[in-house]
Structure formats: structure tokens, C-alpha cells
């Protein structure tokens, strides 16, 4: 049964079927963009079954067993989405917001990718100072991609449990 901490997830598809698509589509629905920010709900991210996840190179330990892979983002040939093309790694953080806590509003010069590990909250974005806020719920396994320069704040304003996120920052491509 699905709940806030364990949302419904679609059944995995077999790797052979997934990779037979040309080009590979890693999403179950068209991208959800609001004010330039990309949101991917857990249920809209494809889950793919690999057996094993990666084949071993000759003479190396063979992989075995089943692995379920959630394709969150891709810029690999044949499955590129174009969301992060040319971006470079900046930093990776494990961020936990206590109940009632929030980040300060900012328009960072980096691309921010937020992946919800646990808890619930909201992502608030607005195109410029003085514009109304656009609020989106954040639940486990949801993903949010905030382009460089977009004003935003993240808040744990739902429930009593902390909101735990992985926060990946990328430097945008040079113009």
C-alpha cells in the first residue's frame, strides 16, 4: 500500500524491452516543467530490471541476481534528455531539513538536482523577485532539477519527519 513514506511505484520493465526503444525514453510521461524547473514524480520515472546489472569483463567476477534501476536523468548517447548537457560537477550534499525548517530563497549560479530520500516537503520556485511562488510537493524518490539562476527555496513544511535530500550541484555549460 502506498503512503507518503512509501509511494506507489510502477512495476519494473525488462532491460531488453527498455533498451529496444529508439531512442531510449527514461520517463513514463512527458517532462513536467514549471517556470523552467523540471519535476519528476516517482511514478513517472521508469524502473528497469537488469539480471545482472552489469556484465563482467572477461576474467572478472561475474555479476548475478536481479537489480532494479530507476533512470532518473540521462545524457548518455541514445537516452540523452538534454537537461544537463555540458554541465560539470560542482558538489554533492546529503541535506536534512528538520520539521518546519527551510532553505533560504536563492538564485544560485549552479544547476541544482534534488532527489528526495525520505520525508516530505515542498519545493518553492519563482521566476523573479516579487513574482508569486509556485509550490510543488516533494516526496520520497521524487526529483527536482532547478536551472541556474532560478529563485527557489526548499521547505520541510509537511509532517513531523525530517526531509532528507541528495543535493547535486552542476556548473552550467559555458555560453
N, C-alpha and C. Protein backbone atom coordinates (compact mmCIF):
# COMPACT_ATOMS: atom_id res chain seq x y z
N UNK A 1 0.84 -1.18 0.00
CA UNK A 1 0.00 0.00 0.00
C UNK A 1 0.88 1.25 0.00
N UNK A 2 0.56 2.22 -0.82
CA UNK A 2 1.33 3.44 -0.93
C UNK A 2 0.95 4.42 0.19
N UNK A 3 1.95 5.14 0.69
CA UNK A 3 1.74 6.22 1.64
C UNK A 3 2.84 7.25 1.40
N UNK A 4 2.89 8.30 2.22
CA UNK A 4 3.86 9.37 1.99
C UNK A 4 5.30 8.88 2.03
N UNK A 5 5.61 7.94 2.92
CA UNK A 5 6.98 7.44 3.02
C UNK A 5 7.28 6.33 2.02
N UNK A 6 6.25 5.65 1.52
CA UNK A 6 6.42 4.55 0.58
C UNK A 6 5.43 4.73 -0.57
N UNK A 7 5.72 5.70 -1.46
CA UNK A 7 4.77 5.98 -2.54
C UNK A 7 4.68 4.83 -3.53
N UNK A 8 3.59 4.81 -4.27
CA UNK A 8 3.40 3.80 -5.29
C UNK A 8 4.50 3.93 -6.33
N UNK A 9 5.02 2.79 -6.78
CA UNK A 9 5.99 2.76 -7.85
C UNK A 9 5.49 1.84 -8.93
N UNK A 10 5.72 2.20 -10.19
CA UNK A 10 5.30 1.31 -11.27
C UNK A 10 6.14 0.04 -11.27
N UNK A 11 5.58 -1.03 -11.84
CA UNK A 11 6.33 -2.28 -11.96
C UNK A 11 7.51 -2.07 -12.88
N UNK A 12 8.62 -2.75 -12.60
CA UNK A 12 9.78 -2.61 -13.49
C UNK A 12 9.51 -3.24 -14.85
N UNK A 13 10.19 -2.71 -15.86
CA UNK A 13 10.14 -3.31 -17.19
C UNK A 13 11.46 -4.04 -17.42
N UNK A 14 11.45 -5.00 -18.30
CA UNK A 14 12.67 -5.77 -18.58
C UNK A 14 13.67 -4.92 -19.36
N UNK A 15 14.95 -5.09 -19.06
CA UNK A 15 16.00 -4.30 -19.69
C UNK A 15 15.97 -4.42 -21.21
N UNK A 16 15.71 -5.62 -21.72
CA UNK A 16 15.70 -5.82 -23.17
C UNK A 16 14.63 -4.95 -23.82
N UNK A 17 13.45 -4.89 -23.21
CA UNK A 17 12.36 -4.06 -23.74
C UNK A 17 12.71 -2.58 -23.65
N UNK A 18 13.27 -2.17 -22.52
CA UNK A 18 13.64 -0.78 -22.31
C UNK A 18 14.67 -0.33 -23.34
N UNK A 19 15.71 -1.12 -23.55
CA UNK A 19 16.80 -0.72 -24.44
C UNK A 19 16.46 -0.92 -25.92
N UNK A 20 15.33 -1.56 -26.22
CA UNK A 20 14.91 -1.75 -27.61
C UNK A 20 14.30 -0.47 -28.18
N UNK A 21 13.90 0.47 -27.32
CA UNK A 21 13.33 1.74 -27.78
C UNK A 21 14.42 2.54 -28.50
N UNK A 22 14.06 3.27 -29.53
CA UNK A 22 14.99 4.14 -30.25
C UNK A 22 14.42 5.53 -30.36
N UNK A 23 14.94 6.54 -29.74
CA UNK A 23 15.91 6.47 -28.65
C UNK A 23 15.23 6.00 -27.37
N UNK A 24 16.04 5.61 -26.41
CA UNK A 24 15.51 5.15 -25.12
C UNK A 24 14.84 6.32 -24.41
N UNK A 25 13.60 6.13 -23.96
CA UNK A 25 12.87 7.15 -23.21
C UNK A 25 12.88 6.73 -21.74
N UNK A 26 13.53 7.52 -20.89
CA UNK A 26 13.67 7.12 -19.49
C UNK A 26 12.49 7.55 -18.63
N UNK A 27 11.51 8.24 -19.22
CA UNK A 27 10.36 8.72 -18.47
C UNK A 27 9.09 7.99 -18.89
N UNK A 28 8.12 7.94 -18.00
CA UNK A 28 6.81 7.36 -18.32
C UNK A 28 5.84 8.39 -18.85
N UNK A 29 6.19 9.66 -18.81
CA UNK A 29 5.32 10.74 -19.27
C UNK A 29 6.20 11.88 -19.75
N UNK A 30 5.64 12.83 -20.51
CA UNK A 30 6.43 13.99 -20.93
C UNK A 30 6.95 14.74 -19.71
N UNK A 31 8.07 15.44 -19.85
CA UNK A 31 8.63 16.19 -18.72
C UNK A 31 7.62 17.19 -18.15
N UNK A 32 7.63 17.34 -16.84
CA UNK A 32 6.77 18.28 -16.12
C UNK A 32 7.65 19.48 -15.76
N UNK A 33 7.46 20.58 -16.49
CA UNK A 33 8.25 21.78 -16.25
C UNK A 33 7.33 22.93 -15.83
N UNK A 34 7.74 23.59 -14.76
CA UNK A 34 7.01 24.76 -14.28
C UNK A 34 8.05 25.84 -14.05
N UNK A 35 7.94 26.95 -14.75
CA UNK A 35 8.89 28.05 -14.58
C UNK A 35 10.32 27.65 -14.85
N UNK A 36 10.54 26.71 -15.78
CA UNK A 36 11.88 26.25 -16.12
C UNK A 36 12.41 25.14 -15.24
N UNK A 37 11.71 24.83 -14.15
CA UNK A 37 12.14 23.79 -13.21
C UNK A 37 11.53 22.46 -13.64
N UNK A 38 12.34 21.42 -13.70
CA UNK A 38 11.91 20.08 -14.08
C UNK A 38 11.55 19.28 -12.83
N UNK A 39 10.34 18.72 -12.81
CA UNK A 39 9.90 17.86 -11.72
C UNK A 39 9.68 16.47 -12.27
N UNK A 40 10.17 15.47 -11.57
CA UNK A 40 9.90 14.08 -11.94
C UNK A 40 9.34 13.39 -10.71
N UNK A 41 8.06 13.05 -10.77
CA UNK A 41 7.41 12.31 -9.70
C UNK A 41 7.89 10.87 -9.77
N UNK A 42 7.96 10.24 -8.64
CA UNK A 42 8.40 8.85 -8.51
C UNK A 42 7.71 7.94 -9.53
N UNK A 43 6.39 8.07 -9.65
CA UNK A 43 5.63 7.18 -10.53
C UNK A 43 5.92 7.41 -12.01
N UNK A 44 6.55 8.52 -12.36
CA UNK A 44 6.82 8.82 -13.77
C UNK A 44 8.25 8.48 -14.19
N UNK A 45 9.02 7.91 -13.27
CA UNK A 45 10.40 7.52 -13.56
C UNK A 45 10.41 6.01 -13.83
N UNK A 46 10.93 5.64 -15.00
CA UNK A 46 10.94 4.22 -15.34
C UNK A 46 11.85 3.43 -14.42
N UNK A 47 11.39 2.24 -14.08
CA UNK A 47 12.17 1.27 -13.30
C UNK A 47 12.47 0.12 -14.24
N UNK A 48 13.74 -0.26 -14.33
CA UNK A 48 14.18 -1.27 -15.29
C UNK A 48 14.86 -2.42 -14.54
N UNK A 49 14.48 -3.65 -14.90
CA UNK A 49 15.03 -4.85 -14.27
C UNK A 49 16.22 -5.36 -15.09
N UNK A 50 17.38 -5.44 -14.44
CA UNK A 50 18.59 -5.99 -15.06
C UNK A 50 18.97 -7.26 -14.31
N UNK A 51 19.41 -8.28 -15.05
CA UNK A 51 19.85 -9.54 -14.43
C UNK A 51 21.10 -10.04 -15.15
N UNK A 52 22.29 -9.73 -14.65
CA UNK A 52 22.66 -8.81 -13.58
C UNK A 52 22.68 -7.37 -14.08
N UNK A 53 23.01 -6.44 -13.19
CA UNK A 53 23.03 -5.03 -13.58
C UNK A 53 24.07 -4.77 -14.65
N UNK A 54 25.29 -5.24 -14.46
CA UNK A 54 26.34 -5.07 -15.45
C UNK A 54 27.05 -6.40 -15.65
N UNK A 55 27.34 -6.70 -16.90
CA UNK A 55 28.10 -7.92 -17.20
C UNK A 55 29.56 -7.70 -16.82
N UNK A 56 30.21 -8.76 -16.39
CA UNK A 56 31.63 -8.66 -16.03
C UNK A 56 32.48 -8.71 -17.29
N UNK A 57 33.62 -8.03 -17.21
CA UNK A 57 34.58 -8.15 -18.29
C UNK A 57 35.23 -9.53 -18.17
N UNK A 58 35.75 -10.02 -19.27
CA UNK A 58 36.33 -11.36 -19.29
C UNK A 58 37.37 -11.51 -18.18
N UNK A 59 37.26 -12.60 -17.42
CA UNK A 59 38.21 -12.88 -16.35
C UNK A 59 37.89 -12.19 -15.04
N UNK A 60 36.85 -11.37 -15.00
CA UNK A 60 36.48 -10.65 -13.78
C UNK A 60 35.31 -11.36 -13.10
N UNK A 61 35.01 -10.96 -11.88
CA UNK A 61 33.87 -11.54 -11.16
C UNK A 61 32.58 -11.27 -11.90
N UNK A 62 31.82 -12.31 -12.13
CA UNK A 62 30.55 -12.16 -12.84
C UNK A 62 29.50 -11.58 -11.91
N UNK A 63 28.66 -10.71 -12.45
CA UNK A 63 27.53 -10.20 -11.69
C UNK A 63 26.43 -11.26 -11.68
N UNK A 64 25.57 -11.20 -10.70
CA UNK A 64 24.46 -12.15 -10.64
C UNK A 64 23.30 -11.52 -9.88
N UNK A 65 22.14 -12.11 -10.05
CA UNK A 65 20.94 -11.64 -9.35
C UNK A 65 20.29 -10.47 -10.05
N UNK A 66 19.15 -10.08 -9.50
CA UNK A 66 18.32 -9.04 -10.08
C UNK A 66 18.64 -7.68 -9.48
N UNK A 67 18.63 -6.66 -10.32
CA UNK A 67 18.79 -5.28 -9.88
C UNK A 67 17.71 -4.45 -10.54
N UNK A 68 17.09 -3.56 -9.77
CA UNK A 68 16.10 -2.63 -10.32
C UNK A 68 16.76 -1.26 -10.36
N UNK A 69 16.79 -0.67 -11.55
CA UNK A 69 17.43 0.62 -11.76
C UNK A 69 16.35 1.65 -12.07
N UNK A 70 16.39 2.76 -11.36
CA UNK A 70 15.48 3.88 -11.64
C UNK A 70 16.28 4.89 -12.46
N UNK A 71 15.89 5.09 -13.70
CA UNK A 71 16.56 6.03 -14.59
C UNK A 71 16.08 7.44 -14.27
N UNK A 72 16.85 8.16 -13.46
CA UNK A 72 16.45 9.49 -13.01
C UNK A 72 16.72 10.56 -14.07
N UNK A 73 17.94 10.62 -14.55
CA UNK A 73 18.37 11.57 -15.57
C UNK A 73 19.38 10.88 -16.46
N UNK A 74 19.47 11.30 -17.73
CA UNK A 74 20.47 10.71 -18.61
C UNK A 74 20.92 11.71 -19.66
N UNK A 75 22.22 11.74 -19.89
CA UNK A 75 22.82 12.47 -21.01
C UNK A 75 23.66 11.50 -21.83
N UNK A 76 23.48 10.20 -21.61
CA UNK A 76 24.22 9.18 -22.36
C UNK A 76 23.70 9.09 -23.79
N UNK A 77 24.57 8.79 -24.74
CA UNK A 77 24.12 8.62 -26.13
C UNK A 77 22.98 7.59 -26.20
N UNK A 78 21.95 7.92 -26.96
CA UNK A 78 20.81 7.03 -27.12
C UNK A 78 19.71 7.21 -26.11
N UNK A 79 19.99 7.95 -24.99
CA UNK A 79 18.96 8.21 -23.98
C UNK A 79 19.05 9.64 -23.45
N UNK A 80 19.80 10.49 -24.13
CA UNK A 80 20.03 11.86 -23.66
C UNK A 80 18.73 12.66 -23.63
N UNK A 81 18.51 13.33 -22.51
CA UNK A 81 17.34 14.18 -22.34
C UNK A 81 17.62 15.64 -22.67
N UNK A 82 18.88 16.04 -22.61
CA UNK A 82 19.24 17.43 -22.88
C UNK A 82 19.07 18.36 -21.70
N UNK A 83 18.82 17.82 -20.52
CA UNK A 83 18.65 18.65 -19.32
C UNK A 83 19.97 19.12 -18.73
N UNK A 84 21.03 18.35 -18.92
CA UNK A 84 22.30 18.63 -18.25
C UNK A 84 23.49 18.63 -19.20
N UNK A 85 23.24 18.63 -20.49
CA UNK A 85 24.32 18.53 -21.48
C UNK A 85 25.37 19.62 -21.26
N UNK A 86 26.61 19.23 -21.15
CA UNK A 86 27.72 20.16 -21.00
C UNK A 86 27.97 20.65 -19.58
N UNK A 87 27.11 20.27 -18.62
CA UNK A 87 27.30 20.72 -17.23
C UNK A 87 28.45 19.95 -16.59
N UNK A 88 29.10 20.57 -15.58
CA UNK A 88 30.21 19.94 -14.88
C UNK A 88 29.91 19.84 -13.39
N UNK A 89 30.44 18.81 -12.77
CA UNK A 89 30.23 18.57 -11.34
C UNK A 89 30.71 19.75 -10.52
N UNK A 90 29.91 20.15 -9.54
CA UNK A 90 30.26 21.22 -8.60
C UNK A 90 30.38 20.65 -7.19
N UNK A 91 29.30 20.03 -6.66
CA UNK A 91 29.35 19.37 -5.36
C UNK A 91 28.12 18.49 -5.18
N UNK A 92 28.22 17.54 -4.23
CA UNK A 92 27.14 16.63 -3.87
C UNK A 92 26.97 16.68 -2.36
N UNK A 93 25.74 16.95 -1.90
CA UNK A 93 25.47 17.09 -0.48
C UNK A 93 24.33 16.16 -0.06
N UNK A 94 24.37 15.70 1.17
CA UNK A 94 23.27 14.99 1.82
C UNK A 94 22.66 16.01 2.77
N UNK A 95 21.46 16.47 2.46
CA UNK A 95 20.82 17.57 3.18
C UNK A 95 19.62 17.06 3.95
N UNK A 96 19.53 17.40 5.23
CA UNK A 96 18.37 17.03 6.03
C UNK A 96 17.79 18.29 6.66
N UNK A 97 16.51 18.53 6.38
CA UNK A 97 15.79 19.67 6.96
C UNK A 97 14.86 19.15 8.05
N UNK A 98 15.00 19.66 9.25
CA UNK A 98 14.13 19.28 10.36
C UNK A 98 12.71 19.79 10.09
N UNK A 99 11.74 19.23 10.81
CA UNK A 99 10.35 19.66 10.68
C UNK A 99 10.28 21.18 10.85
N UNK A 100 9.64 21.85 9.91
CA UNK A 100 9.50 23.29 9.97
C UNK A 100 10.66 24.08 9.39
N UNK A 101 11.76 23.42 9.04
CA UNK A 101 12.95 24.11 8.52
C UNK A 101 12.82 24.35 7.01
N UNK A 102 13.56 25.34 6.53
CA UNK A 102 13.61 25.60 5.10
C UNK A 102 14.96 26.21 4.74
N UNK A 103 15.29 26.12 3.47
CA UNK A 103 16.49 26.79 2.98
C UNK A 103 16.11 28.25 2.72
N UNK A 104 17.07 29.12 2.70
CA UNK A 104 16.80 30.49 2.32
C UNK A 104 16.56 30.58 0.82
N UNK A 105 15.73 31.52 0.41
CA UNK A 105 15.49 31.68 -1.02
C UNK A 105 16.77 32.15 -1.70
N UNK A 106 17.08 31.53 -2.83
CA UNK A 106 18.28 31.92 -3.56
C UNK A 106 18.08 31.67 -5.04
N UNK A 107 18.94 32.27 -5.81
CA UNK A 107 19.01 32.04 -7.25
C UNK A 107 20.47 31.70 -7.52
N UNK A 108 20.84 30.46 -7.27
CA UNK A 108 22.23 30.02 -7.32
C UNK A 108 22.75 30.00 -8.77
N UNK A 109 24.07 30.22 -8.95
CA UNK A 109 24.64 30.20 -10.30
C UNK A 109 24.95 28.78 -10.79
N UNK A 110 24.39 27.78 -10.12
CA UNK A 110 24.61 26.37 -10.49
C UNK A 110 23.27 25.69 -10.75
N UNK A 111 23.30 24.59 -11.49
CA UNK A 111 22.13 23.74 -11.68
C UNK A 111 22.02 22.90 -10.42
N UNK A 112 20.85 22.84 -9.82
CA UNK A 112 20.65 22.03 -8.61
C UNK A 112 19.72 20.87 -8.93
N UNK A 113 20.16 19.68 -8.55
CA UNK A 113 19.34 18.48 -8.70
C UNK A 113 19.05 17.98 -7.29
N UNK A 114 17.77 17.93 -6.94
CA UNK A 114 17.34 17.47 -5.62
C UNK A 114 16.66 16.12 -5.78
N UNK A 115 17.10 15.14 -5.01
CA UNK A 115 16.49 13.82 -5.02
C UNK A 115 16.05 13.51 -3.59
N UNK A 116 14.76 13.26 -3.39
CA UNK A 116 14.21 13.06 -2.05
C UNK A 116 14.48 11.63 -1.59
N UNK A 117 15.17 11.49 -0.47
CA UNK A 117 15.46 10.19 0.12
C UNK A 117 14.35 9.79 1.09
N UNK A 118 13.94 10.72 1.95
CA UNK A 118 12.93 10.41 2.96
C UNK A 118 12.22 11.69 3.39
N UNK A 119 11.03 11.52 3.95
CA UNK A 119 10.25 12.65 4.44
C UNK A 119 9.48 13.31 3.32
N UNK A 120 8.87 14.44 3.66
CA UNK A 120 8.11 15.19 2.68
C UNK A 120 8.32 16.68 2.91
N UNK A 121 8.08 17.42 1.88
CA UNK A 121 8.19 18.87 1.97
C UNK A 121 7.68 19.48 0.69
N UNK A 122 8.14 20.68 0.42
CA UNK A 122 7.74 21.36 -0.80
C UNK A 122 8.94 22.10 -1.39
N UNK A 123 8.95 22.16 -2.71
CA UNK A 123 9.89 23.00 -3.43
C UNK A 123 9.13 24.22 -3.90
N UNK A 124 9.64 25.39 -3.58
CA UNK A 124 9.01 26.65 -3.99
C UNK A 124 9.94 27.33 -4.99
N UNK A 125 9.41 27.72 -6.13
CA UNK A 125 10.20 28.43 -7.13
C UNK A 125 9.43 29.66 -7.57
N UNK A 126 10.17 30.63 -8.09
CA UNK A 126 9.54 31.80 -8.70
C UNK A 126 10.52 32.39 -9.71
N UNK A 127 10.01 32.86 -10.82
CA UNK A 127 10.89 33.30 -11.89
C UNK A 127 11.74 34.53 -11.54
N UNK A 128 11.24 35.40 -10.66
CA UNK A 128 11.99 36.60 -10.27
C UNK A 128 11.43 37.13 -8.95
N UNK A 129 12.20 37.98 -8.29
CA UNK A 129 11.77 38.56 -7.02
C UNK A 129 10.44 39.29 -7.23
N UNK A 130 9.52 39.09 -6.31
CA UNK A 130 8.21 39.72 -6.37
C UNK A 130 7.17 38.89 -7.10
N UNK A 131 7.58 37.89 -7.87
CA UNK A 131 6.62 37.02 -8.57
C UNK A 131 6.01 36.05 -7.56
N UNK A 132 4.82 35.51 -7.85
CA UNK A 132 4.23 34.54 -6.92
C UNK A 132 5.05 33.25 -6.91
N UNK A 133 4.99 32.57 -5.77
CA UNK A 133 5.67 31.28 -5.63
C UNK A 133 4.87 30.18 -6.32
N UNK A 134 5.57 29.25 -6.93
CA UNK A 134 4.98 28.02 -7.44
C UNK A 134 5.43 26.92 -6.50
N UNK A 135 4.50 26.22 -5.88
CA UNK A 135 4.82 25.19 -4.89
C UNK A 135 4.57 23.81 -5.48
N UNK A 136 5.50 22.89 -5.26
CA UNK A 136 5.35 21.50 -5.69
C UNK A 136 5.68 20.60 -4.51
N UNK A 137 4.86 19.57 -4.27
CA UNK A 137 5.17 18.64 -3.18
C UNK A 137 6.42 17.84 -3.50
N UNK A 138 7.17 17.50 -2.47
CA UNK A 138 8.35 16.65 -2.60
C UNK A 138 8.16 15.45 -1.69
N UNK A 139 8.23 14.26 -2.28
CA UNK A 139 8.04 13.01 -1.53
C UNK A 139 9.18 12.06 -1.89
N UNK A 140 9.35 10.98 -1.13
CA UNK A 140 10.45 10.05 -1.41
C UNK A 140 10.49 9.62 -2.88
N UNK A 141 11.69 9.62 -3.43
CA UNK A 141 12.00 9.21 -4.80
C UNK A 141 11.59 10.22 -5.85
N UNK A 142 11.14 11.42 -5.46
CA UNK A 142 10.87 12.49 -6.42
C UNK A 142 12.19 13.18 -6.75
N UNK A 143 12.21 13.84 -7.91
CA UNK A 143 13.40 14.53 -8.40
C UNK A 143 13.00 15.91 -8.85
N UNK A 144 13.86 16.89 -8.58
CA UNK A 144 13.61 18.28 -8.99
C UNK A 144 14.91 18.81 -9.56
N UNK A 145 14.88 19.38 -10.77
CA UNK A 145 16.05 19.98 -11.40
C UNK A 145 15.79 21.47 -11.54
N UNK A 146 16.61 22.27 -10.86
CA UNK A 146 16.44 23.72 -10.83
C UNK A 146 17.56 24.34 -11.66
N UNK A 147 17.24 25.00 -12.78
CA UNK A 147 18.28 25.62 -13.59
C UNK A 147 19.00 26.72 -12.83
N UNK A 148 20.22 27.02 -13.26
CA UNK A 148 20.99 28.12 -12.68
C UNK A 148 20.19 29.41 -12.80
N UNK A 149 20.19 30.20 -11.72
CA UNK A 149 19.54 31.49 -11.73
C UNK A 149 18.07 31.52 -11.39
N UNK A 150 17.43 30.35 -11.18
CA UNK A 150 16.01 30.31 -10.83
C UNK A 150 15.88 30.46 -9.31
N UNK A 151 15.07 31.39 -8.87
CA UNK A 151 14.85 31.63 -7.43
C UNK A 151 14.07 30.46 -6.85
N UNK A 152 14.53 29.96 -5.70
CA UNK A 152 13.87 28.79 -5.10
C UNK A 152 14.19 28.67 -3.61
N UNK A 153 13.36 27.90 -2.94
CA UNK A 153 13.59 27.51 -1.55
C UNK A 153 12.97 26.13 -1.37
N UNK A 154 13.53 25.35 -0.47
CA UNK A 154 13.03 24.01 -0.16
C UNK A 154 12.61 24.03 1.30
N UNK A 155 11.43 23.49 1.59
CA UNK A 155 10.91 23.54 2.96
C UNK A 155 10.38 22.18 3.40
N UNK A 156 10.64 21.86 4.66
CA UNK A 156 10.00 20.70 5.28
C UNK A 156 8.82 21.28 6.02
N UNK A 157 7.72 21.43 5.29
CA UNK A 157 6.52 22.02 5.87
C UNK A 157 5.34 21.06 5.78
N UNK A 158 5.64 19.77 5.69
CA UNK A 158 4.61 18.73 5.66
C UNK A 158 5.01 17.63 6.64
N UNK A 159 4.24 17.42 7.68
CA UNK A 159 4.52 16.33 8.61
C UNK A 159 5.59 16.67 9.64
N UNK A 160 5.93 15.65 10.44
CA UNK A 160 6.88 15.84 11.54
C UNK A 160 8.26 15.26 11.26
N UNK A 161 8.39 14.39 10.27
CA UNK A 161 9.67 13.74 9.98
C UNK A 161 10.57 14.69 9.19
N UNK A 162 11.88 14.60 9.38
CA UNK A 162 12.80 15.42 8.59
C UNK A 162 12.66 15.13 7.10
N UNK A 163 13.00 16.10 6.28
CA UNK A 163 13.06 15.94 4.83
C UNK A 163 14.53 15.72 4.49
N UNK A 164 14.84 14.56 3.91
CA UNK A 164 16.24 14.23 3.58
C UNK A 164 16.39 14.17 2.07
N UNK A 165 17.38 14.91 1.58
CA UNK A 165 17.61 15.05 0.15
C UNK A 165 19.07 14.82 -0.21
N UNK A 166 19.31 14.31 -1.40
CA UNK A 166 20.63 14.41 -2.01
C UNK A 166 20.58 15.65 -2.87
N UNK A 167 21.56 16.51 -2.74
CA UNK A 167 21.62 17.76 -3.49
C UNK A 167 22.89 17.74 -4.33
N UNK A 168 22.72 17.61 -5.63
CA UNK A 168 23.84 17.60 -6.57
C UNK A 168 23.84 18.95 -7.27
N UNK A 169 24.99 19.60 -7.30
CA UNK A 169 25.12 20.86 -8.00
C UNK A 169 26.09 20.71 -9.16
N UNK A 170 25.69 21.25 -10.31
CA UNK A 170 26.49 21.20 -11.52
C UNK A 170 26.71 22.62 -12.02
N UNK A 171 27.92 22.88 -12.52
CA UNK A 171 28.17 24.16 -13.16
C UNK A 171 27.59 24.10 -14.56
N UNK A 172 26.78 25.10 -14.93
CA UNK A 172 26.16 25.06 -16.26
C UNK A 172 27.21 25.17 -17.35
N UNK A 173 26.86 24.73 -18.56
CA UNK A 173 27.82 24.84 -19.67
C UNK A 173 28.16 26.31 -19.94
N UNK A 174 29.35 26.56 -20.42
CA UNK A 174 29.75 27.91 -20.77
C UNK A 174 28.98 28.34 -22.03
N UNK A 175 28.54 29.61 -22.06
CA UNK A 175 27.77 30.07 -23.23
C UNK A 175 28.61 30.13 -24.49
